[in-house]
Amino acid sequence: MAVKAKDLRELEPGELDLRLKERGDALRNFRLQMATASVENSRAARNARREVARIKTIMRERELAAQKKAK
């Protein structure tokens, strides 16, 4: 099941970085499996891609909020 953005926003920056790395690795592994035609769950790639996008969005939101506070 996909992780909700609300749950991701509660994580610390270090945890988000770790989660981003894990999902990126999972996505690369999935692409390798697709190349070798041993895919069991094709929806997993979609979920991983979307979770990576959610994490990057939250990281960018935090970056922009920090810049706004600095001004």
N, C-alpha and C. Protein backbone atom coordinates (compact mmCIF):
# COMPACT_ATOMS: atom_id res chain seq x y z
N MET A 1 0.84 -1.18 0.00
CA MET A 1 0.00 0.00 0.00
C MET A 1 0.88 1.24 0.00
N ALA A 2 0.45 2.26 -0.65
CA ALA A 2 1.23 3.49 -0.79
C ALA A 2 1.26 4.25 0.53
N VAL A 3 2.36 4.93 0.74
CA VAL A 3 2.54 5.74 1.94
C VAL A 3 1.93 7.11 1.67
N LYS A 4 1.22 7.62 2.64
CA LYS A 4 0.57 8.92 2.48
C LYS A 4 1.55 10.04 2.78
N ALA A 5 1.36 11.16 2.12
CA ALA A 5 2.24 12.32 2.31
C ALA A 5 2.19 12.79 3.76
N LYS A 6 1.04 12.67 4.40
CA LYS A 6 0.90 13.08 5.80
C LYS A 6 1.87 12.30 6.68
N ASP A 7 1.99 11.00 6.43
CA ASP A 7 2.90 10.16 7.21
C ASP A 7 4.35 10.53 6.93
N LEU A 8 4.65 10.86 5.69
CA LEU A 8 6.02 11.21 5.33
C LEU A 8 6.42 12.55 5.94
N ARG A 9 5.48 13.47 6.07
CA ARG A 9 5.79 14.79 6.64
C ARG A 9 6.19 14.69 8.10
N GLU A 10 5.78 13.63 8.77
CA GLU A 10 6.11 13.44 10.18
C GLU A 10 7.53 12.92 10.38
N LEU A 11 8.18 12.47 9.32
CA LEU A 11 9.53 11.90 9.42
C LEU A 11 10.58 13.00 9.50
N GLU A 12 11.70 12.65 10.12
CA GLU A 12 12.85 13.55 10.19
C GLU A 12 13.55 13.58 8.84
N PRO A 13 14.34 14.62 8.56
CA PRO A 13 15.05 14.71 7.27
C PRO A 13 15.95 13.51 6.99
N GLY A 14 16.64 13.00 8.00
CA GLY A 14 17.50 11.83 7.81
C GLY A 14 16.70 10.60 7.43
N GLU A 15 15.54 10.45 8.04
CA GLU A 15 14.68 9.32 7.73
C GLU A 15 14.15 9.42 6.30
N LEU A 16 13.85 10.65 5.87
CA LEU A 16 13.38 10.85 4.50
C LEU A 16 14.47 10.49 3.50
N ASP A 17 15.71 10.90 3.79
CA ASP A 17 16.83 10.55 2.90
C ASP A 17 16.98 9.05 2.79
N LEU A 18 16.90 8.36 3.93
CA LEU A 18 17.03 6.91 3.94
C LEU A 18 15.90 6.26 3.15
N ARG A 19 14.70 6.75 3.36
CA ARG A 19 13.53 6.21 2.65
C ARG A 19 13.64 6.43 1.14
N LEU A 20 14.15 7.61 0.76
CA LEU A 20 14.34 7.93 -0.65
C LEU A 20 15.34 6.97 -1.28
N LYS A 21 16.42 6.69 -0.58
CA LYS A 21 17.43 5.76 -1.08
C LYS A 21 16.84 4.35 -1.23
N GLU A 22 16.09 3.91 -0.22
CA GLU A 22 15.49 2.58 -0.27
C GLU A 22 14.53 2.44 -1.44
N ARG A 23 13.67 3.44 -1.63
CA ARG A 23 12.69 3.36 -2.72
C ARG A 23 13.37 3.47 -4.08
N GLY A 24 14.43 4.26 -4.16
CA GLY A 24 15.19 4.35 -5.40
C GLY A 24 15.84 3.03 -5.75
N ASP A 25 16.39 2.36 -4.73
CA ASP A 25 16.98 1.04 -4.95
C ASP A 25 15.92 0.03 -5.38
N ALA A 26 14.76 0.09 -4.74
CA ALA A 26 13.67 -0.83 -5.10
C ALA A 26 13.23 -0.60 -6.55
N LEU A 27 13.19 0.64 -6.95
CA LEU A 27 12.79 0.97 -8.32
C LEU A 27 13.82 0.46 -9.33
N ARG A 28 15.10 0.63 -9.01
CA ARG A 28 16.15 0.11 -9.90
C ARG A 28 16.07 -1.42 -10.00
N ASN A 29 15.85 -2.08 -8.88
CA ASN A 29 15.72 -3.54 -8.90
C ASN A 29 14.52 -3.97 -9.73
N PHE A 30 13.44 -3.23 -9.60
CA PHE A 30 12.25 -3.56 -10.37
C PHE A 30 12.51 -3.43 -11.87
N ARG A 31 13.21 -2.35 -12.24
CA ARG A 31 13.52 -2.16 -13.66
C ARG A 31 14.41 -3.28 -14.18
N LEU A 32 15.31 -3.75 -13.35
CA LEU A 32 16.15 -4.89 -13.73
C LEU A 32 15.30 -6.14 -13.92
N GLN A 33 14.36 -6.36 -13.04
CA GLN A 33 13.46 -7.51 -13.16
C GLN A 33 12.63 -7.41 -14.43
N MET A 34 12.20 -6.20 -14.77
CA MET A 34 11.41 -6.04 -16.00
C MET A 34 12.25 -6.39 -17.22
N ALA A 35 13.53 -6.05 -17.18
CA ALA A 35 14.42 -6.34 -18.30
C ALA A 35 14.63 -7.84 -18.46
N THR A 36 14.60 -8.56 -17.34
CA THR A 36 14.78 -10.01 -17.40
C THR A 36 13.45 -10.76 -17.44
N ALA A 37 12.36 -10.01 -17.51
CA ALA A 37 11.00 -10.57 -17.63
C ALA A 37 10.62 -11.46 -16.46
N SER A 38 11.04 -11.10 -15.25
CA SER A 38 10.64 -11.87 -14.07
C SER A 38 9.86 -11.00 -13.09
N VAL A 39 8.90 -10.25 -13.64
CA VAL A 39 8.11 -9.33 -12.83
C VAL A 39 6.88 -10.04 -12.29
N GLU A 40 6.70 -9.92 -10.97
CA GLU A 40 5.52 -10.52 -10.35
C GLU A 40 4.43 -9.47 -10.12
N ASN A 41 4.84 -8.29 -9.67
CA ASN A 41 3.88 -7.25 -9.33
C ASN A 41 4.24 -5.97 -10.08
N SER A 42 3.59 -5.73 -11.19
CA SER A 42 3.92 -4.57 -12.01
C SER A 42 3.49 -3.26 -11.35
N ARG A 43 2.58 -3.31 -10.43
CA ARG A 43 2.11 -2.10 -9.75
C ARG A 43 3.16 -1.57 -8.76
N ALA A 44 4.08 -2.41 -8.35
CA ALA A 44 5.10 -2.00 -7.38
C ALA A 44 5.96 -0.87 -7.92
N ALA A 45 6.25 -0.88 -9.20
CA ALA A 45 7.07 0.18 -9.80
C ALA A 45 6.32 1.51 -9.72
N ARG A 46 5.06 1.49 -10.02
CA ARG A 46 4.25 2.71 -9.97
C ARG A 46 4.23 3.26 -8.55
N ASN A 47 4.02 2.39 -7.58
CA ASN A 47 3.98 2.83 -6.19
C ASN A 47 5.33 3.38 -5.75
N ALA A 48 6.41 2.74 -6.15
CA ALA A 48 7.75 3.21 -5.79
C ALA A 48 8.03 4.57 -6.42
N ARG A 49 7.67 4.73 -7.68
CA ARG A 49 7.88 6.01 -8.36
C ARG A 49 7.11 7.14 -7.67
N ARG A 50 5.89 6.85 -7.30
CA ARG A 50 5.06 7.86 -6.66
C ARG A 50 5.58 8.21 -5.26
N GLU A 51 6.06 7.19 -4.54
CA GLU A 51 6.60 7.47 -3.22
C GLU A 51 7.87 8.31 -3.31
N VAL A 52 8.71 8.03 -4.30
CA VAL A 52 9.90 8.85 -4.53
C VAL A 52 9.49 10.29 -4.80
N ALA A 53 8.48 10.48 -5.62
CA ALA A 53 8.00 11.83 -5.94
C ALA A 53 7.46 12.53 -4.70
N ARG A 54 6.72 11.81 -3.87
CA ARG A 54 6.19 12.40 -2.64
C ARG A 54 7.32 12.85 -1.72
N ILE A 55 8.32 11.99 -1.57
CA ILE A 55 9.45 12.30 -0.68
C ILE A 55 10.20 13.53 -1.19
N LYS A 56 10.47 13.57 -2.50
CA LYS A 56 11.18 14.72 -3.07
C LYS A 56 10.37 16.00 -2.92
N THR A 57 9.05 15.91 -3.05
CA THR A 57 8.19 17.07 -2.89
C THR A 57 8.26 17.60 -1.46
N ILE A 58 8.20 16.71 -0.50
CA ILE A 58 8.24 17.11 0.91
C ILE A 58 9.60 17.72 1.24
N MET A 59 10.67 17.14 0.71
CA MET A 59 12.00 17.69 0.94
C MET A 59 12.11 19.10 0.36
N ARG A 60 11.54 19.31 -0.80
CA ARG A 60 11.57 20.63 -1.44
C ARG A 60 10.72 21.63 -0.66
N GLU A 61 9.57 21.19 -0.15
CA GLU A 61 8.73 22.06 0.66
C GLU A 61 9.49 22.56 1.88
N ARG A 62 10.22 21.65 2.52
CA ARG A 62 11.00 22.01 3.71
C ARG A 62 12.12 22.98 3.34
N GLU A 63 12.75 22.74 2.21
CA GLU A 63 13.83 23.62 1.75
C GLU A 63 13.30 25.04 1.51
N LEU A 64 12.16 25.14 0.85
CA LEU A 64 11.57 26.45 0.58
C LEU A 64 11.12 27.14 1.86
N ALA A 65 10.60 26.38 2.81
CA ALA A 65 10.18 26.96 4.09
C ALA A 65 11.39 27.50 4.84
N ALA A 66 12.51 26.80 4.79
CA ALA A 66 13.73 27.27 5.46
C ALA A 66 14.24 28.54 4.80
N GLN A 67 14.16 28.62 3.48
CA GLN A 67 14.59 29.82 2.77
C GLN A 67 13.70 31.01 3.13
N LYS A 68 12.42 30.74 3.25
CA LYS A 68 11.47 31.81 3.56
C LYS A 68 11.73 32.35 4.97
N LYS A 69 12.05 31.46 5.92
CA LYS A 69 12.35 31.89 7.28
C LYS A 69 13.64 32.70 7.34
N ALA A 70 14.59 32.36 6.48
CA ALA A 70 15.89 33.04 6.48
C ALA A 70 15.78 34.48 5.98
N LYS A 71 14.78 34.76 5.20
CA LYS A 71 14.62 36.12 4.64
C LYS A 71 14.10 37.10 5.63
